[in-house]
């Protein structure tokens, strides 16, 4: 079975809401990924206490390093 994966644009920054929409997950899950102490998804704030954004390149790297094989899971 072919695996379909979404590639984020390396030159764009994504909001947690947009990431959640694309990956079909809850926005809280995106925040948990960012706040994970052991292996966080890199994110930046646009201003002090401002909007959180994640670079597409970082998203692609994070997603590929956290890929699972459901057959062997």
N, C-alpha and C. Protein backbone atom coordinates (compact mmCIF):
# COMPACT_ATOMS: atom_id res chain seq x y z
N UNK A 1 0.84 -1.18 0.00
CA UNK A 1 0.00 0.00 0.00
C UNK A 1 0.89 1.24 0.00
N UNK A 2 0.62 2.18 -0.88
CA UNK A 2 1.42 3.41 -0.97
C UNK A 2 1.05 4.35 0.18
N UNK A 3 2.05 4.97 0.71
CA UNK A 3 1.85 5.91 1.80
C UNK A 3 1.72 7.32 1.23
N UNK A 4 0.67 8.01 1.59
CA UNK A 4 0.44 9.38 1.11
C UNK A 4 0.85 10.32 2.23
N UNK A 5 1.72 11.26 1.91
CA UNK A 5 2.13 12.20 2.93
C UNK A 5 2.04 13.62 2.37
N UNK A 6 1.75 14.53 3.24
CA UNK A 6 1.64 15.93 2.86
C UNK A 6 2.99 16.60 3.07
N UNK A 7 3.43 17.35 2.09
CA UNK A 7 4.66 18.11 2.23
C UNK A 7 4.30 19.57 2.49
N UNK A 8 4.78 20.11 3.60
CA UNK A 8 4.57 21.51 3.90
C UNK A 8 5.57 22.34 3.10
N UNK A 9 5.20 23.55 2.74
CA UNK A 9 6.07 24.46 2.00
C UNK A 9 7.18 24.96 2.92
N UNK A 10 8.43 24.69 2.54
CA UNK A 10 9.59 25.05 3.38
C UNK A 10 9.71 26.56 3.62
N UNK A 11 9.12 27.36 2.77
CA UNK A 11 9.26 28.81 2.87
C UNK A 11 8.10 29.48 3.59
N UNK A 12 7.13 28.69 4.05
CA UNK A 12 5.97 29.26 4.73
C UNK A 12 5.99 28.95 6.22
N UNK A 13 5.26 29.75 6.95
CA UNK A 13 5.03 29.51 8.37
C UNK A 13 3.55 29.20 8.55
N UNK A 14 3.25 28.25 9.42
CA UNK A 14 1.89 27.77 9.61
C UNK A 14 1.43 28.01 11.04
N UNK A 15 0.17 28.37 11.18
CA UNK A 15 -0.43 28.53 12.51
C UNK A 15 -0.84 27.15 13.03
N UNK A 16 -0.96 27.00 14.35
CA UNK A 16 -1.43 25.73 14.90
C UNK A 16 -2.79 25.32 14.33
N UNK A 17 -3.66 26.28 14.10
CA UNK A 17 -4.98 25.99 13.54
C UNK A 17 -4.85 25.40 12.14
N UNK A 18 -4.00 25.99 11.30
CA UNK A 18 -3.82 25.51 9.93
C UNK A 18 -3.17 24.12 9.92
N UNK A 19 -2.19 23.91 10.79
CA UNK A 19 -1.54 22.59 10.90
C UNK A 19 -2.58 21.54 11.27
N UNK A 20 -3.42 21.87 12.24
CA UNK A 20 -4.46 20.93 12.68
C UNK A 20 -5.42 20.61 11.54
N UNK A 21 -5.79 21.61 10.76
CA UNK A 21 -6.68 21.38 9.62
C UNK A 21 -6.04 20.45 8.60
N UNK A 22 -4.79 20.72 8.25
CA UNK A 22 -4.09 19.93 7.23
C UNK A 22 -3.91 18.49 7.68
N UNK A 23 -3.52 18.30 8.93
CA UNK A 23 -3.26 16.95 9.44
C UNK A 23 -4.50 16.26 9.99
N UNK A 24 -5.62 16.96 10.01
CA UNK A 24 -6.88 16.43 10.54
C UNK A 24 -6.73 15.96 11.98
N UNK A 25 -6.14 16.84 12.79
CA UNK A 25 -5.99 16.57 14.22
C UNK A 25 -6.53 17.77 14.99
N UNK A 26 -6.64 17.63 16.29
CA UNK A 26 -7.11 18.71 17.14
C UNK A 26 -5.99 19.74 17.32
N UNK A 27 -6.37 21.01 17.41
CA UNK A 27 -5.40 22.07 17.61
C UNK A 27 -4.61 21.87 18.91
N UNK A 28 -5.25 21.32 19.92
CA UNK A 28 -4.56 21.05 21.19
C UNK A 28 -3.40 20.07 20.99
N UNK A 29 -3.56 19.15 20.06
CA UNK A 29 -2.50 18.19 19.76
C UNK A 29 -1.28 18.91 19.20
N UNK A 30 -1.50 19.91 18.37
CA UNK A 30 -0.39 20.69 17.81
C UNK A 30 0.34 21.41 18.95
N UNK A 31 -0.39 21.99 19.87
CA UNK A 31 0.25 22.66 21.01
C UNK A 31 1.01 21.66 21.88
N UNK A 32 0.49 20.45 22.04
CA UNK A 32 1.22 19.42 22.79
C UNK A 32 2.52 19.06 22.08
N UNK A 33 2.48 19.00 20.75
CA UNK A 33 3.70 18.71 19.98
C UNK A 33 4.75 19.81 20.20
N UNK A 34 4.31 21.05 20.21
CA UNK A 34 5.22 22.18 20.42
C UNK A 34 5.77 22.19 21.83
N UNK A 35 4.94 21.85 22.81
CA UNK A 35 5.33 21.92 24.22
C UNK A 35 5.95 20.64 24.76
N UNK A 36 6.13 19.64 23.92
CA UNK A 36 6.74 18.38 24.35
C UNK A 36 8.18 18.65 24.80
N UNK A 37 8.47 18.38 26.04
CA UNK A 37 9.79 18.69 26.61
C UNK A 37 10.88 17.83 25.99
N UNK A 38 10.62 16.56 25.77
CA UNK A 38 11.64 15.66 25.26
C UNK A 38 11.93 15.83 23.78
N UNK A 39 10.91 16.15 22.98
CA UNK A 39 11.09 16.24 21.53
C UNK A 39 10.10 17.25 20.94
N UNK A 40 10.35 18.55 21.16
CA UNK A 40 9.37 19.55 20.74
C UNK A 40 9.39 19.84 19.23
N UNK A 41 8.24 20.20 18.72
CA UNK A 41 8.12 20.73 17.37
C UNK A 41 8.58 22.19 17.45
N UNK A 42 9.64 22.58 16.73
CA UNK A 42 10.13 23.96 16.83
C UNK A 42 9.07 24.97 16.37
N UNK A 43 8.89 26.02 17.16
CA UNK A 43 7.91 27.06 16.84
C UNK A 43 8.45 28.41 17.30
N UNK A 44 7.92 29.47 16.71
CA UNK A 44 8.32 30.83 17.08
C UNK A 44 7.06 31.67 17.31
N UNK A 45 7.23 32.71 18.10
CA UNK A 45 6.16 33.68 18.29
C UNK A 45 6.52 34.91 17.46
N UNK A 46 5.53 35.46 16.76
CA UNK A 46 5.79 36.61 15.90
C UNK A 46 6.11 37.86 16.70
N UNK A 47 5.49 38.00 17.85
CA UNK A 47 5.75 39.11 18.75
C UNK A 47 5.74 38.55 20.17
N UNK A 48 6.21 39.33 21.10
CA UNK A 48 6.16 38.89 22.50
C UNK A 48 4.70 38.61 22.85
N UNK A 49 4.42 37.42 23.32
CA UNK A 49 3.06 36.95 23.62
C UNK A 49 2.16 37.01 22.39
N UNK A 50 2.76 36.89 21.22
CA UNK A 50 2.00 36.97 19.97
C UNK A 50 1.63 35.60 19.43
N UNK A 51 1.31 35.59 18.15
CA UNK A 51 0.85 34.38 17.48
C UNK A 51 1.98 33.39 17.28
N UNK A 52 1.66 32.13 17.49
CA UNK A 52 2.63 31.04 17.34
C UNK A 52 2.64 30.60 15.88
N UNK A 53 3.84 30.36 15.33
CA UNK A 53 3.98 29.89 13.96
C UNK A 53 5.06 28.81 13.90
N UNK A 54 4.88 27.88 12.97
CA UNK A 54 5.83 26.79 12.76
C UNK A 54 6.28 26.83 11.31
N UNK A 55 7.59 26.77 11.08
CA UNK A 55 8.13 26.77 9.73
C UNK A 55 7.84 25.45 9.04
N UNK A 56 7.50 25.52 7.75
CA UNK A 56 7.19 24.32 6.98
C UNK A 56 8.32 23.32 6.95
N UNK A 57 9.56 23.81 6.88
CA UNK A 57 10.73 22.91 6.87
C UNK A 57 10.80 22.12 8.17
N UNK A 58 10.59 22.80 9.30
CA UNK A 58 10.60 22.13 10.60
C UNK A 58 9.46 21.11 10.70
N UNK A 59 8.30 21.45 10.14
CA UNK A 59 7.17 20.52 10.14
C UNK A 59 7.50 19.27 9.35
N UNK A 60 8.09 19.43 8.17
CA UNK A 60 8.45 18.28 7.34
C UNK A 60 9.45 17.38 8.07
N UNK A 61 10.45 17.98 8.69
CA UNK A 61 11.46 17.20 9.42
C UNK A 61 10.82 16.48 10.61
N UNK A 62 9.97 17.18 11.35
CA UNK A 62 9.31 16.59 12.51
C UNK A 62 8.42 15.43 12.09
N UNK A 63 7.64 15.63 11.03
CA UNK A 63 6.72 14.58 10.59
C UNK A 63 7.49 13.36 10.08
N UNK A 64 8.57 13.56 9.36
CA UNK A 64 9.32 12.40 8.86
C UNK A 64 10.03 11.66 9.99
N UNK A 65 10.47 12.38 11.02
CA UNK A 65 11.14 11.71 12.14
C UNK A 65 10.16 11.01 13.08
N UNK A 66 8.88 11.32 12.96
CA UNK A 66 7.87 10.70 13.82
C UNK A 66 6.92 9.79 13.05
N UNK A 67 7.34 9.39 11.87
CA UNK A 67 6.53 8.50 11.05
C UNK A 67 6.45 7.12 11.70
N UNK A 68 5.29 6.52 11.63
CA UNK A 68 5.11 5.17 12.19
C UNK A 68 4.67 4.21 11.09
N UNK A 69 4.95 2.95 11.32
CA UNK A 69 4.52 1.90 10.41
C UNK A 69 3.37 1.16 11.10
N UNK A 70 2.11 1.42 10.66
CA UNK A 70 0.97 0.83 11.37
C UNK A 70 0.96 -0.69 11.37
N UNK A 71 1.59 -1.32 10.40
CA UNK A 71 1.63 -2.78 10.34
C UNK A 71 2.46 -3.34 11.49
N UNK A 72 3.56 -2.68 11.80
CA UNK A 72 4.46 -3.15 12.84
C UNK A 72 4.30 -2.42 14.16
N UNK A 73 3.30 -1.60 14.29
CA UNK A 73 3.09 -0.81 15.49
C UNK A 73 2.50 -1.66 16.59
